[in-house]
Structure formats: structure tokens, C-alpha cells
Amino acid sequence: MEKLTKQEEAAMQAIWKVGKGFVKDFLEAHIAPVPPYTTLASTIKNLEKKGYVDARKMGNVYEYTPTIEEGEYKKKFMNGFVKDYFENSYKELVTFFAKDKKISPEELQEIINMIEKK
């Protein structure tokens, strides 16, 4: 699947929040700043072309359904991100945040505990 733009990701966040729905539903669930209706409708059409949503015509409007779950998208995005920026090493990712003090020793210990419990 094609990578999403920030605008498309924001639209997908609203779509995942609502599930199946119409542009007006996604507009209500959209995070600020909320785009105009026509802009969101165009963005959703692009998401349909990219295969992220399915459309079903109902009268003169379309009902959209996500074709990928939020968790699945996050997993694909993170795998690509780690591959592109951290030599495909999650250790490098954690080290980066530890060096930059974006992760505390306590948080790091929580991660270690989660791994050990798995």
C-alpha cells in the first residue's frame, strides 16, 4: 500500500474512529483543524484509489469502510520507518530516544518487563 500524506492520515484517523460511515460522519470525528467538507471528500476519494477504503453508493452519497485496520497500518508504517531511519534495528530506535532523553529509565524498564513477560 502507498504511504499516506498527513492529510490522508488525519482522515484515516477519523475513519477508524467512526468505522463505516459517510463524509459528514468523518468530518464530525476529524481532529482539529477540521478541513472543509469538499476537501475531506476529495481526500477520502484518494484513499479509495490507494485502497485504504471501500466505497458503496447509497442513493446520491457514498458510504465508506476502511479496508485496513489501524493497528495493521501502524505496524506497516513503523516497520518502514525503522527500516528507513534506523537500519532496520529497533535497538537503534530505542537507543536514539534514550540518548535524546525522550524515554526515561523507568519507561525503558517497563519495556524490558513487557518483553520478558511475553
C-alpha atoms as a PDB file:
ATOM      1  CA  MET A   1       0.000   0.000   0.000  1.00  0.00           C
ATOM      2  CA  GLU A   2       1.067   3.525  -0.735  1.00  0.00           C
ATOM      3  CA  LYS A   3       2.297   5.758   2.095  1.00  0.00           C
ATOM      4  CA  LEU A   4      -0.266   8.296   3.284  1.00  0.00           C
ATOM      5  CA  THR A   5       0.135  12.061   3.426  1.00  0.00           C
ATOM      6  CA  LYS A   6      -0.504  13.852   6.743  1.00  0.00           C
ATOM      7  CA  GLN A   7      -3.911  14.949   5.440  1.00  0.00           C
ATOM      8  CA  GLU A   8      -4.773  11.367   4.462  1.00  0.00           C
ATOM      9  CA  GLU A   9      -3.582  10.024   7.819  1.00  0.00           C
ATOM     10  CA  ALA A  10      -5.791  12.534   9.643  1.00  0.00           C
ATOM     11  CA  ALA A  11      -8.742  11.425   7.510  1.00  0.00           C
ATOM     12  CA  MET A  12      -7.970   7.761   8.227  1.00  0.00           C
ATOM     13  CA  GLN A  13      -7.873   8.514  11.962  1.00  0.00           C
ATOM     14  CA  ALA A  14     -11.426   9.833  11.690  1.00  0.00           C
ATOM     15  CA  ILE A  15     -12.484   6.875   9.541  1.00  0.00           C
ATOM     16  CA  TRP A  16     -11.034   4.377  12.024  1.00  0.00           C
ATOM     17  CA  LYS A  17     -12.758   6.189  14.877  1.00  0.00           C
ATOM     18  CA  VAL A  18     -16.161   6.030  13.144  1.00  0.00           C
ATOM     19  CA  GLY A  19     -15.767   2.760  11.258  1.00  0.00           C
ATOM     20  CA  LYS A  20     -18.268   2.562   8.412  1.00  0.00           C
ATOM     21  CA  GLY A  21     -19.768   5.942   7.560  1.00  0.00           C
ATOM     22  CA  PHE A  22     -20.258   8.952   5.354  1.00  0.00           C
ATOM     23  CA  VAL A  23     -18.084  12.023   4.792  1.00  0.00           C
ATOM     24  CA  LYS A  24     -20.238  14.027   7.235  1.00  0.00           C
ATOM     25  CA  ASP A  25     -19.616  11.390   9.940  1.00  0.00           C
ATOM     26  CA  PHE A  26     -15.870  11.545   9.395  1.00  0.00           C
ATOM     27  CA  LEU A  27     -15.986  15.330   9.406  1.00  0.00           C
ATOM     28  CA  GLU A  28     -17.523  15.263  12.896  1.00  0.00           C
ATOM     29  CA  ALA A  29     -14.843  12.838  14.135  1.00  0.00           C
ATOM     30  CA  HIS A  30     -11.920  14.676  12.479  1.00  0.00           C
ATOM     31  CA  ILE A  31      -9.261  16.224  14.707  1.00  0.00           C
ATOM     32  CA  ALA A  32      -8.666  19.981  14.537  1.00  0.00           C
ATOM     33  CA  PRO A  33      -8.114  21.736  12.251  1.00  0.00           C
ATOM     34  CA  VAL A  34     -11.176  20.288  10.544  1.00  0.00           C
ATOM     35  CA  PRO A  35     -10.958  20.587   6.749  1.00  0.00           C
ATOM     36  CA  PRO A  36     -13.856  21.792   4.595  1.00  0.00           C
ATOM     37  CA  TYR A  37     -16.324  19.082   3.553  1.00  0.00           C
ATOM     38  CA  THR A  38     -15.168  19.110  -0.074  1.00  0.00           C
ATOM     39  CA  THR A  39     -11.508  18.766   0.918  1.00  0.00           C
ATOM     40  CA  LEU A  40     -12.246  15.791   3.152  1.00  0.00           C
ATOM     41  CA  ALA A  41     -14.399  14.215   0.432  1.00  0.00           C
ATOM     42  CA  SER A  42     -11.519  14.553  -2.061  1.00  0.00           C
ATOM     43  CA  THR A  43      -9.069  13.115   0.448  1.00  0.00           C
ATOM     44  CA  ILE A  44     -11.337  10.122   1.038  1.00  0.00           C
ATOM     45  CA  LYS A  45     -11.640   9.567  -2.730  1.00  0.00           C
ATOM     46  CA  ASN A  46      -7.814   9.482  -2.860  1.00  0.00           C
ATOM     47  CA  LEU A  47      -7.825   6.961  -0.004  1.00  0.00           C
ATOM     48  CA  GLU A  48     -10.243   4.843  -2.023  1.00  0.00           C
ATOM     49  CA  LYS A  49      -7.911   4.979  -5.053  1.00  0.00           C
ATOM     50  CA  LYS A  50      -4.998   3.938  -2.832  1.00  0.00           C
ATOM     51  CA  GLY A  51      -7.008   1.007  -1.461  1.00  0.00           C
ATOM     52  CA  TYR A  52      -7.414   2.209   2.121  1.00  0.00           C
ATOM     53  CA  VAL A  53     -11.218   2.475   1.990  1.00  0.00           C
ATOM     54  CA  ASP A  54     -14.045   0.847   0.057  1.00  0.00           C
ATOM     55  CA  ALA A  55     -16.970   2.900  -1.200  1.00  0.00           C
ATOM     56  CA  ARG A  56     -20.585   1.832  -1.620  1.00  0.00           C
ATOM     57  CA  LYS A  57     -23.027   4.143  -3.356  1.00  0.00           C
ATOM     58  CA  MET A  58     -26.225   4.703  -1.408  1.00  0.00           C
ATOM     59  CA  GLY A  59     -28.569   6.995  -3.299  1.00  0.00           C
ATOM     60  CA  ASN A  60     -26.516  10.046  -4.162  1.00  0.00           C
ATOM     61  CA  VAL A  61     -23.879   9.623  -1.408  1.00  0.00           C
ATOM     62  CA  TYR A  62     -21.135   7.121  -0.686  1.00  0.00           C
ATOM     63  CA  GLU A  63     -20.670   5.061   2.425  1.00  0.00           C
ATOM     64  CA  TYR A  64     -17.014   4.309   3.169  1.00  0.00           C
ATOM     65  CA  THR A  65     -15.466   1.422   5.058  1.00  0.00           C
ATOM     66  CA  PRO A  66     -11.781   1.110   5.991  1.00  0.00           C
ATOM     67  CA  THR A  67     -10.016  -1.802   4.275  1.00  0.00           C
ATOM     68  CA  ILE A  68      -7.067  -1.820   6.666  1.00  0.00           C
ATOM     69  CA  GLU A  69      -7.205  -1.826  10.447  1.00  0.00           C
ATOM     70  CA  GLU A  70      -5.457   0.947  12.349  1.00  0.00           C
ATOM     71  CA  GLY A  71      -3.090  -1.494  14.067  1.00  0.00           C
ATOM     72  CA  GLU A  72      -2.113  -3.077  10.760  1.00  0.00           C
ATOM     73  CA  TYR A  73      -1.342   0.346   9.262  1.00  0.00           C
ATOM     74  CA  LYS A  74       0.736   1.334  12.301  1.00  0.00           C
ATOM     75  CA  LYS A  75       2.695  -1.903  12.065  1.00  0.00           C
ATOM     76  CA  LYS A  76       3.461  -1.384   8.353  1.00  0.00           C
ATOM     77  CA  PHE A  77       4.318   2.270   8.911  1.00  0.00           C
ATOM     78  CA  MET A  78       6.619   1.550  11.856  1.00  0.00           C
ATOM     79  CA  ASN A  79       8.378  -1.295  10.060  1.00  0.00           C
ATOM     80  CA  GLY A  80       9.097   1.024   7.121  1.00  0.00           C
ATOM     81  CA  PHE A  81      10.130   3.852   9.430  1.00  0.00           C
ATOM     82  CA  VAL A  82      12.567   1.675  11.372  1.00  0.00           C
ATOM     83  CA  LYS A  83      13.944   0.231   8.137  1.00  0.00           C
ATOM     84  CA  ASP A  84      14.441   3.656   6.527  1.00  0.00           C
ATOM     85  CA  TYR A  85      15.789   5.591   9.517  1.00  0.00           C
ATOM     86  CA  PHE A  86      17.271   3.055  11.943  1.00  0.00           C
ATOM     87  CA  GLU A  87      18.935   0.436   9.738  1.00  0.00           C
ATOM     88  CA  ASN A  88      16.031  -1.954  10.384  1.00  0.00           C
ATOM     89  CA  SER A  89      17.003  -2.112  14.080  1.00  0.00           C
ATOM     90  CA  TYR A  90      14.526  -1.456  16.879  1.00  0.00           C
ATOM     91  CA  LYS A  91      17.530  -1.379  19.199  1.00  0.00           C
ATOM     92  CA  GLU A  92      18.807   1.647  17.237  1.00  0.00           C
ATOM     93  CA  LEU A  93      15.367   3.259  17.557  1.00  0.00           C
ATOM     94  CA  VAL A  94      15.281   2.829  21.344  1.00  0.00           C
ATOM     95  CA  THR A  95      18.908   3.949  21.639  1.00  0.00           C
ATOM     96  CA  PHE A  96      18.096   7.100  19.680  1.00  0.00           C
ATOM     97  CA  PHE A  97      15.294   8.022  22.079  1.00  0.00           C
ATOM     98  CA  ALA A  98      17.340   7.081  25.147  1.00  0.00           C
ATOM     99  CA  LYS A  99      20.260   9.283  24.040  1.00  0.00           C
ATOM    100  CA  ASP A 100      17.895  12.157  23.297  1.00  0.00           C
ATOM    101  CA  LYS A 101      16.276  11.658  26.733  1.00  0.00           C
ATOM    102  CA  LYS A 102      12.845  11.078  25.182  1.00  0.00           C
ATOM    103  CA  ILE A 103      12.498   7.845  27.137  1.00  0.00           C
ATOM    104  CA  SER A 104      13.128   7.570  30.848  1.00  0.00           C
ATOM    105  CA  PRO A 105      14.925   4.709  32.605  1.00  0.00           C
ATOM    106  CA  GLU A 106      11.590   3.780  34.189  1.00  0.00           C
ATOM    107  CA  GLU A 107       9.892   3.575  30.786  1.00  0.00           C
ATOM    108  CA  LEU A 108      12.780   1.544  29.442  1.00  0.00           C
ATOM    109  CA  GLN A 109      12.434  -0.839  32.380  1.00  0.00           C
ATOM    110  CA  GLU A 110       8.698  -1.163  31.647  1.00  0.00           C
ATOM    111  CA  ILE A 111       9.554  -2.130  28.060  1.00  0.00           C
ATOM    112  CA  ILE A 112      12.074  -4.707  29.297  1.00  0.00           C
ATOM    113  CA  ASN A 113       9.451  -6.141  31.673  1.00  0.00           C
ATOM    114  CA  MET A 114       6.915  -6.383  28.840  1.00  0.00           C
ATOM    115  CA  ILE A 115       9.434  -8.222  26.654  1.00  0.00           C
ATOM    116  CA  GLU A 116      10.376 -10.611  29.437  1.00  0.00           C
ATOM    117  CA  LYS A 117       6.718 -11.408  30.206  1.00  0.00           C
ATOM    118  CA  LYS A 118       5.998 -12.268  26.562  1.00  0.00           C
END
